[in-house]
């Protein structure tokens, strides 16, 4: 098995690492305090200008066309520096891939270049509802055909980047009489469309720089050309695209885990107790060794899922395995990092408490750990 990256993948990883260190990391603490929105938007624009908002989109539409492995490497590096910026980047890439996969030629040419070059500051993925989270097929948002248009009514919950997204991929029920999950369609709705309203940002535990909002649709009228793919075929599309998004969340989780353990390793080399560095105690070394195994295992699971996707093979199980393991590993890594800092890890003078809060959501969004286990079991027993 060949584990070496291509020259392009290495270049993308190194560019992401440099931009993350120079621009994202210095802003992360400020974003955590609820400040620095303008600087974050400038960073998103810079990332777009460097090709990071459309990594798996064809060059004909302005994309980088670098593939999923490159995407995973980039999101890991961005997540290492700033989870909020990384998740905005990951979701925007996800939106671009949905449009590329099922959009019409007109939709691709209109929207993909704007995502790629940062004209759209981000893209938003509108699937979750109050009563349809782990069970998105139970959504209630309706899209009613009215002549040469559709009228959308309903609300979507916990939508990443909704405040500054330029385009929304929206799922809605178009045939309420169809069996569950069979009467759902997918639409492209541009920001500023009458009837689309973004609610206030949620007050969250972590990832404070990434706004998460309710998106309301109240008589939101879109042209029939806003439909993506075939009518009533949207749920299948959502399931397929969620698998790709899980690779992004896994890579983000890995970045947070690495950052937490790098901070912990630096601390235990300096902190002295009982006349020696605490890094020299075997108990501390074993804690670090366990997390190092976690990080390497997560990396291999992520790259395996990404490589399978790039080869055009089925990757849903592998993406769920990567997302499950990496997000749980990030939880273990951030918890261990706090423990290795002792009392210092519980105060905001050190970044590990932020890493723990930022990591917590990775076990929930893009499918909870419990849902990932269901998918893995289902695919294994198929």
Protein backbone atom coordinates (compact mmCIF):
# COMPACT_ATOMS: atom_id res chain seq x y z
CA UNK A 1 0.00 0.00 0.00
CA UNK A 2 1.35 3.40 -1.02
CA UNK A 3 1.05 6.03 1.70
CA UNK A 4 3.02 8.88 0.11
CA UNK A 5 1.17 12.05 -0.85
CA UNK A 6 1.41 13.60 -4.28
CA UNK A 7 3.38 16.81 -4.75
CA UNK A 8 0.09 18.71 -5.05
CA UNK A 9 -1.26 17.22 -1.82
CA UNK A 10 1.95 18.09 0.02
CA UNK A 11 1.83 21.63 -1.35
CA UNK A 12 -1.79 22.07 -0.26
CA UNK A 13 -1.02 20.75 3.22
CA UNK A 14 1.97 23.05 3.61
CA UNK A 15 0.06 26.07 2.33
CA UNK A 16 -2.79 25.32 4.73
CA UNK A 17 -0.32 24.92 7.58
CA UNK A 18 1.36 28.25 6.80
CA UNK A 19 -1.89 30.20 6.45
CA UNK A 20 -3.24 28.56 9.60
CA UNK A 21 -0.17 29.54 11.61
CA UNK A 22 0.07 33.07 10.20
CA UNK A 23 -3.58 34.09 10.07
CA UNK A 24 -5.90 31.64 11.86
CA UNK A 25 -4.07 30.75 15.07
CA UNK A 26 -3.48 34.37 16.19
CA UNK A 27 -7.22 35.07 15.81
CA UNK A 28 -8.61 31.93 17.46
CA UNK A 29 -8.70 33.23 21.03
CA UNK A 30 -10.32 36.48 19.92
CA UNK A 31 -13.02 34.57 18.05
CA UNK A 32 -13.61 32.47 21.16
CA UNK A 33 -14.42 35.70 23.01
CA UNK A 34 -17.05 36.55 20.41
CA UNK A 35 -14.88 39.13 18.64
CA UNK A 36 -12.98 39.33 15.38
CA UNK A 37 -15.76 38.58 12.88
CA UNK A 38 -14.32 40.92 10.22
CA UNK A 39 -10.91 39.30 10.52
CA UNK A 40 -12.43 35.84 10.22
CA UNK A 41 -14.29 36.82 7.06
CA UNK A 42 -11.03 38.20 5.67
CA UNK A 43 -9.38 34.87 6.44
CA UNK A 44 -12.17 33.00 4.65
CA UNK A 45 -11.64 35.21 1.62
CA UNK A 46 -7.89 34.55 1.77
CA UNK A 47 -8.51 30.81 1.96
CA UNK A 48 -10.77 31.06 -1.09
CA UNK A 49 -8.11 32.98 -3.00
CA UNK A 50 -5.68 30.17 -2.20
CA UNK A 51 -8.04 27.47 -3.48
CA UNK A 52 -9.35 26.06 -0.19
CA UNK A 53 -13.07 26.63 -0.66
CA UNK A 54 -13.48 24.30 -3.64
CA UNK A 55 -10.79 21.67 -3.20
CA UNK A 56 -12.72 18.89 -4.91
CA UNK A 57 -14.45 21.05 -7.53
CA UNK A 58 -13.35 20.88 -11.15
CA UNK A 59 -11.09 23.61 -12.45
CA UNK A 60 -13.63 24.37 -15.19
CA UNK A 61 -15.81 25.86 -12.43
CA UNK A 62 -12.98 27.64 -10.64
CA UNK A 63 -12.15 24.80 -8.27
CA UNK A 64 -8.79 23.42 -7.21
CA UNK A 65 -9.62 19.87 -8.38
CA UNK A 66 -7.22 18.48 -5.78
CA UNK A 67 -9.36 15.64 -4.41
CA UNK A 68 -10.58 14.42 -1.06
CA UNK A 69 -7.19 13.47 0.40
CA UNK A 70 -6.01 17.05 -0.14
CA UNK A 71 -9.25 18.30 1.40
CA UNK A 72 -8.72 16.16 4.51
CA UNK A 73 -5.12 17.31 4.89
CA UNK A 74 -6.14 20.96 4.55
CA UNK A 75 -9.02 20.78 7.04
CA UNK A 76 -6.76 19.05 9.56
CA UNK A 77 -4.27 21.90 9.38
CA UNK A 78 -6.96 24.58 9.60
CA UNK A 79 -8.60 22.73 12.51
CA UNK A 80 -5.26 22.63 14.31
CA UNK A 81 -5.25 26.43 14.36
CA UNK A 82 -8.94 27.40 14.49
CA UNK A 83 -11.87 25.00 14.57
CA UNK A 84 -14.37 27.76 13.73
CA UNK A 85 -12.65 28.68 10.49
CA UNK A 86 -12.09 25.03 9.62
CA UNK A 87 -15.76 24.11 9.93
CA UNK A 88 -16.82 27.05 7.75
CA UNK A 89 -14.31 25.89 5.14
CA UNK A 90 -15.40 22.26 5.37
CA UNK A 91 -19.11 23.05 4.97
CA UNK A 92 -18.46 25.39 2.05
CA UNK A 93 -16.54 22.62 0.30
CA UNK A 94 -19.44 20.29 1.04
CA UNK A 95 -21.91 22.71 -0.56
CA UNK A 96 -19.70 22.98 -3.63
CA UNK A 97 -19.55 19.23 -4.00
CA UNK A 98 -23.34 18.91 -3.78
CA UNK A 99 -23.78 21.49 -6.54
CA UNK A 100 -21.14 19.82 -8.68
CA UNK A 101 -22.66 16.37 -8.17
CA UNK A 102 -26.29 17.12 -9.00
CA UNK A 103 -26.58 20.70 -10.16
CA UNK A 104 -27.48 21.67 -13.70
CA UNK A 105 -24.80 23.16 -15.91
CA UNK A 106 -26.33 26.59 -15.34
CA UNK A 107 -26.31 26.09 -11.56
CA UNK A 108 -22.70 24.95 -11.59
CA UNK A 109 -21.53 27.90 -13.69
CA UNK A 110 -23.46 30.40 -11.62
CA UNK A 111 -22.58 29.25 -8.11
CA UNK A 112 -19.37 27.20 -8.06
CA UNK A 113 -17.01 30.00 -9.18
CA UNK A 114 -18.52 32.26 -6.51
CA UNK A 115 -17.85 29.69 -3.81
CA UNK A 116 -14.36 29.05 -5.16
CA UNK A 117 -13.20 32.66 -5.34
CA UNK A 118 -14.86 33.86 -2.15
CA UNK A 119 -17.54 36.01 -3.79
CA UNK A 120 -19.80 33.92 -1.59
CA UNK A 121 -18.17 34.19 1.81
CA UNK A 122 -19.44 30.68 2.59
CA UNK A 123 -22.05 28.12 1.64
CA UNK A 124 -24.72 26.72 3.97
CA UNK A 125 -26.16 23.20 4.17
CA UNK A 126 -29.79 23.32 5.34
CA UNK A 127 -30.96 19.86 6.36
CA UNK A 128 -31.52 19.67 10.15
CA UNK A 129 -34.81 20.69 11.73
CA UNK A 130 -36.14 20.80 15.28
CA UNK A 131 -37.81 17.40 14.87
CA UNK A 132 -35.47 16.05 12.22
CA UNK A 133 -31.87 15.80 13.39
CA UNK A 134 -30.60 12.24 13.43
CA UNK A 135 -33.72 11.39 11.43
CA UNK A 136 -33.63 13.96 8.59
CA UNK A 137 -36.22 12.00 6.59
CA UNK A 138 -38.74 13.28 9.13
CA UNK A 139 -38.33 16.90 8.02
CA UNK A 140 -41.41 19.14 7.82
CA UNK A 141 -40.18 22.03 5.64
CA UNK A 142 -42.38 22.10 2.52
CA UNK A 143 -41.71 23.21 -1.04
CA UNK A 144 -44.95 23.63 -2.97
CA UNK A 145 -44.96 23.92 -6.76
CA UNK A 146 -46.66 27.10 -7.94
CA UNK A 147 -46.53 27.57 -11.70
CA UNK A 148 -42.93 28.15 -12.73
CA UNK A 149 -41.74 28.39 -9.12
CA UNK A 150 -41.57 26.62 -5.77
CA UNK A 151 -42.70 28.22 -2.51
CA UNK A 152 -40.73 27.05 0.54
CA UNK A 153 -42.10 27.21 4.08
CA UNK A 154 -40.46 25.92 7.24
CA UNK A 155 -37.32 26.32 9.33
CA UNK A 156 -33.89 24.74 9.50
CA UNK A 157 -31.92 24.47 12.72
CA UNK A 158 -28.21 24.69 13.65
CA UNK A 159 -27.08 25.93 10.23
CA UNK A 160 -23.34 26.61 10.07
CA UNK A 161 -22.27 29.95 8.52
CA UNK A 162 -25.88 30.97 7.84
CA UNK A 163 -25.20 34.61 8.77
CA UNK A 164 -22.73 35.16 5.97
CA UNK A 165 -23.50 32.38 3.49
CA UNK A 166 -24.03 33.43 -0.11
CA UNK A 167 -26.00 30.35 -1.12
CA UNK A 168 -28.02 27.75 0.76
CA UNK A 169 -28.58 24.13 -0.24
CA UNK A 170 -32.06 23.43 1.14
CA UNK A 171 -33.98 20.18 1.51
CA UNK A 172 -37.79 20.28 1.61
CA UNK A 173 -40.74 17.92 1.25
CA UNK A 174 -42.27 18.19 -2.23
CA UNK A 175 -44.58 15.16 -2.00
CA UNK A 176 -46.09 14.81 1.49
CA UNK A 177 -48.00 11.69 0.40
CA UNK A 178 -44.86 9.76 -0.53
CA UNK A 179 -43.33 7.20 1.85
CA UNK A 180 -41.00 8.71 4.41
CA UNK A 181 -37.80 9.95 2.78
CA UNK A 182 -39.12 9.49 -0.75
CA UNK A 183 -40.82 12.84 -1.33
CA UNK A 184 -37.92 15.19 -0.51
CA UNK A 185 -36.23 17.53 -3.00
CA UNK A 186 -33.12 19.68 -2.97
CA UNK A 187 -33.00 23.40 -3.84
CA UNK A 188 -30.48 26.19 -4.24
CA UNK A 189 -31.56 29.40 -2.53
CA UNK A 190 -29.43 32.52 -2.76
CA UNK A 191 -28.94 34.84 0.20
CA UNK A 192 -31.27 37.80 0.02
CA UNK A 193 -34.14 35.85 -1.54
CA UNK A 194 -37.42 37.27 -0.16
CA UNK A 195 -38.86 34.94 2.45
CA UNK A 196 -35.47 33.67 3.63
CA UNK A 197 -34.52 35.01 7.06
CA UNK A 198 -31.56 34.10 9.25
CA UNK A 199 -32.22 34.08 12.99
CA UNK A 200 -29.83 35.16 15.73
CA UNK A 201 -26.73 33.09 16.37
CA UNK A 202 -26.99 30.34 18.98
CA UNK A 203 -25.04 30.82 22.19
CA UNK A 204 -22.80 27.78 22.04
CA UNK A 205 -20.37 25.91 24.24
CA UNK A 206 -17.55 26.11 21.70
CA UNK A 207 -16.54 27.06 18.15
CA UNK A 208 -17.72 30.58 18.96
CA UNK A 209 -16.29 32.04 15.76
CA UNK A 210 -18.58 29.88 13.64
CA UNK A 211 -22.13 31.28 13.70
CA UNK A 212 -24.88 28.67 13.99
CA UNK A 213 -28.37 29.92 13.20
CA UNK A 214 -31.98 29.04 12.57
CA UNK A 215 -32.92 29.73 8.94
CA UNK A 216 -36.58 30.56 8.36
CA UNK A 217 -38.44 30.12 5.07
CA UNK A 218 -41.70 32.04 5.00
CA UNK A 219 -43.29 31.95 1.57
CA UNK A 220 -39.79 31.87 0.08
CA UNK A 221 -40.38 31.82 -3.66
CA UNK A 222 -37.65 30.35 -5.88
CA UNK A 223 -37.76 29.64 -9.61
CA UNK A 224 -38.28 26.05 -10.74
CA UNK A 225 -34.69 26.18 -11.99
CA UNK A 226 -33.59 26.26 -8.32
CA UNK A 227 -34.43 22.56 -8.05
CA UNK A 228 -31.25 20.44 -8.03
CA UNK A 229 -31.46 16.97 -9.48
CA UNK A 230 -34.82 15.27 -9.83
CA UNK A 231 -37.89 16.18 -7.84
CA UNK A 232 -38.49 13.85 -4.85
CA UNK A 233 -34.94 12.44 -5.11
CA UNK A 234 -33.33 14.77 -2.58
CA UNK A 235 -33.02 12.50 0.44
CA UNK A 236 -30.74 10.06 -1.38
CA UNK A 237 -28.55 13.03 -2.29
CA UNK A 238 -28.43 14.24 1.32
CA UNK A 239 -27.34 10.84 2.61
CA UNK A 240 -24.58 10.60 0.00
CA UNK A 241 -23.24 14.10 0.69
CA UNK A 242 -23.29 13.65 4.46
CA UNK A 243 -20.79 10.83 4.06
CA UNK A 244 -18.35 13.22 2.40
CA UNK A 245 -18.94 15.82 5.08
CA UNK A 246 -18.00 13.30 7.74
CA UNK A 247 -14.49 13.12 6.32
CA UNK A 248 -14.24 16.86 6.90
CA UNK A 249 -15.43 16.62 10.51
CA UNK A 250 -13.03 13.75 11.12
CA UNK A 251 -10.13 15.81 9.77
CA UNK A 252 -11.18 18.79 11.87
CA UNK A 253 -11.32 16.54 14.94
CA UNK A 254 -7.82 15.28 14.20
CA UNK A 255 -6.53 18.85 13.97
CA UNK A 256 -7.99 19.72 17.38
CA UNK A 257 -6.59 16.52 18.91
CA UNK A 258 -3.12 17.29 17.58
CA UNK A 259 -3.25 20.87 18.84
CA UNK A 260 -4.32 19.75 22.31
CA UNK A 261 -1.62 17.13 22.62
CA UNK A 262 1.09 19.41 21.22
CA UNK A 263 0.16 21.94 23.90
CA UNK A 264 0.22 19.21 26.54
CA UNK A 265 3.60 17.86 25.43
CA UNK A 266 5.08 21.34 25.54
CA UNK A 267 3.68 21.89 29.04
CA UNK A 268 4.90 18.61 30.56
CA UNK A 269 8.42 19.24 29.23
CA UNK A 270 8.54 22.51 31.18
CA UNK A 271 6.50 21.79 34.31
CA UNK A 272 8.59 20.41 37.17
CA UNK A 273 7.40 18.53 40.27
CA UNK A 274 9.31 16.39 42.78
CA UNK A 275 12.56 17.72 41.35
CA UNK A 276 12.04 16.64 37.72
CA UNK A 277 10.05 17.36 34.59
CA UNK A 278 6.65 15.74 34.77
CA UNK A 279 7.34 14.45 31.26
CA UNK A 280 9.85 12.08 32.87
CA UNK A 281 7.19 10.25 34.90
CA UNK A 282 6.12 6.98 33.36
CA UNK A 283 2.44 7.58 34.10
CA UNK A 284 2.54 10.82 32.09
CA UNK A 285 4.39 9.11 29.25
CA UNK A 286 1.76 6.39 29.02
CA UNK A 287 -1.04 8.95 28.81
CA UNK A 288 0.78 10.64 25.93
CA UNK A 289 1.48 7.30 24.23
CA UNK A 290 -2.20 6.33 24.28
CA UNK A 291 -3.20 9.62 22.66
CA UNK A 292 -0.44 9.29 20.06
CA UNK A 293 -1.91 5.95 19.02
CA UNK A 294 -5.34 7.59 18.79
CA UNK A 295 -4.03 10.36 16.56
CA UNK A 296 -2.23 8.03 14.18
CA UNK A 297 -5.18 5.64 13.98
CA UNK A 298 -7.56 8.54 13.27
CA UNK A 299 -5.26 9.81 10.52
CA UNK A 300 -5.15 6.42 8.79
CA UNK A 301 -8.94 5.99 8.99
CA UNK A 302 -9.46 9.46 7.50
CA UNK A 303 -7.00 8.95 4.67
CA UNK A 304 -8.48 5.54 3.88
CA UNK A 305 -11.98 7.01 3.57
CA UNK A 306 -10.70 9.95 1.53
CA UNK A 307 -8.70 7.73 -0.82
CA UNK A 308 -11.70 5.46 -1.39
CA UNK A 309 -13.82 8.47 -2.26
CA UNK A 310 -11.17 9.73 -4.68
CA UNK A 311 -11.09 6.32 -6.37
CA UNK A 312 -14.84 6.41 -6.85
CA UNK A 313 -15.42 3.48 -4.49
CA UNK A 314 -18.12 3.13 -1.84
CA UNK A 315 -16.87 4.98 1.25
CA UNK A 316 -19.89 5.54 3.52
CA UNK A 317 -18.81 3.00 6.13
CA UNK A 318 -15.22 4.18 6.06
CA UNK A 319 -16.30 7.83 6.44
CA UNK A 320 -18.44 6.91 9.45
CA UNK A 321 -15.59 4.94 10.97
CA UNK A 322 -13.23 7.88 10.50
CA UNK A 323 -15.73 10.38 11.90
CA UNK A 324 -16.61 8.20 14.88
CA UNK A 325 -13.05 7.39 15.84
CA UNK A 326 -11.53 10.81 15.19
CA UNK A 327 -14.22 12.72 17.06
CA UNK A 328 -14.02 10.38 20.05
CA UNK A 329 -10.21 10.57 19.88
CA UNK A 330 -10.42 14.37 19.96
CA UNK A 331 -12.52 14.09 23.12
CA UNK A 332 -9.91 11.83 24.72
CA UNK A 333 -7.04 14.04 23.57
CA UNK A 334 -8.52 17.27 24.89
CA UNK A 335 -9.46 15.64 28.18
CA UNK A 336 -5.95 14.21 28.56
CA UNK A 337 -4.42 17.57 27.67
CA UNK A 338 -6.41 19.28 30.43
CA UNK A 339 -5.39 16.57 32.92
CA UNK A 340 -1.73 16.94 31.99
CA UNK A 341 -1.97 20.68 32.61
CA UNK A 342 -3.51 20.06 36.03
CA UNK A 343 -5.30 23.10 37.43
CA UNK A 344 -3.78 25.25 34.69
CA UNK A 345 -5.79 23.33 32.15
CA UNK A 346 -9.05 24.52 33.69
CA UNK A 347 -8.34 28.23 33.22
CA UNK A 348 -8.37 30.26 30.05
CA UNK A 349 -4.72 31.26 30.27
CA UNK A 350 -4.02 28.04 28.40
CA UNK A 351 -5.77 27.02 25.16
CA UNK A 352 -6.59 23.44 26.12
CA UNK A 353 -9.92 24.32 27.74
CA UNK A 354 -10.95 25.94 24.42
CA UNK A 355 -9.85 22.87 22.50
CA UNK A 356 -12.08 20.73 24.74
CA UNK A 357 -15.10 22.96 24.09
CA UNK A 358 -14.39 23.11 20.36
CA UNK A 359 -13.99 19.34 20.14
CA UNK A 360 -17.21 18.47 21.94
CA UNK A 361 -19.52 19.22 19.01
CA UNK A 362 -17.58 16.93 16.65
CA UNK A 363 -19.26 13.94 18.33
CA UNK A 364 -22.66 15.44 17.44
CA UNK A 365 -22.76 17.35 14.13
CA UNK A 366 -22.71 15.58 10.75
CA UNK A 367 -24.26 12.63 12.57
CA UNK A 368 -23.76 11.73 16.22
CA UNK A 369 -21.39 8.99 17.34
CA UNK A 370 -24.42 6.81 17.93
CA UNK A 371 -25.64 7.30 14.35
CA UNK A 372 -22.14 6.51 13.03
CA UNK A 373 -22.24 3.21 14.93
CA UNK A 374 -25.61 2.40 13.37
CA UNK A 375 -24.25 3.10 9.89
CA UNK A 376 -21.11 1.03 10.48
CA UNK A 377 -23.14 -1.89 11.84
CA UNK A 378 -25.65 -1.69 9.01
CA UNK A 379 -22.94 -1.70 6.37
CA UNK A 380 -21.02 -4.46 8.11
CA UNK A 381 -24.10 -6.70 8.40
CA UNK A 382 -25.44 -5.91 4.93
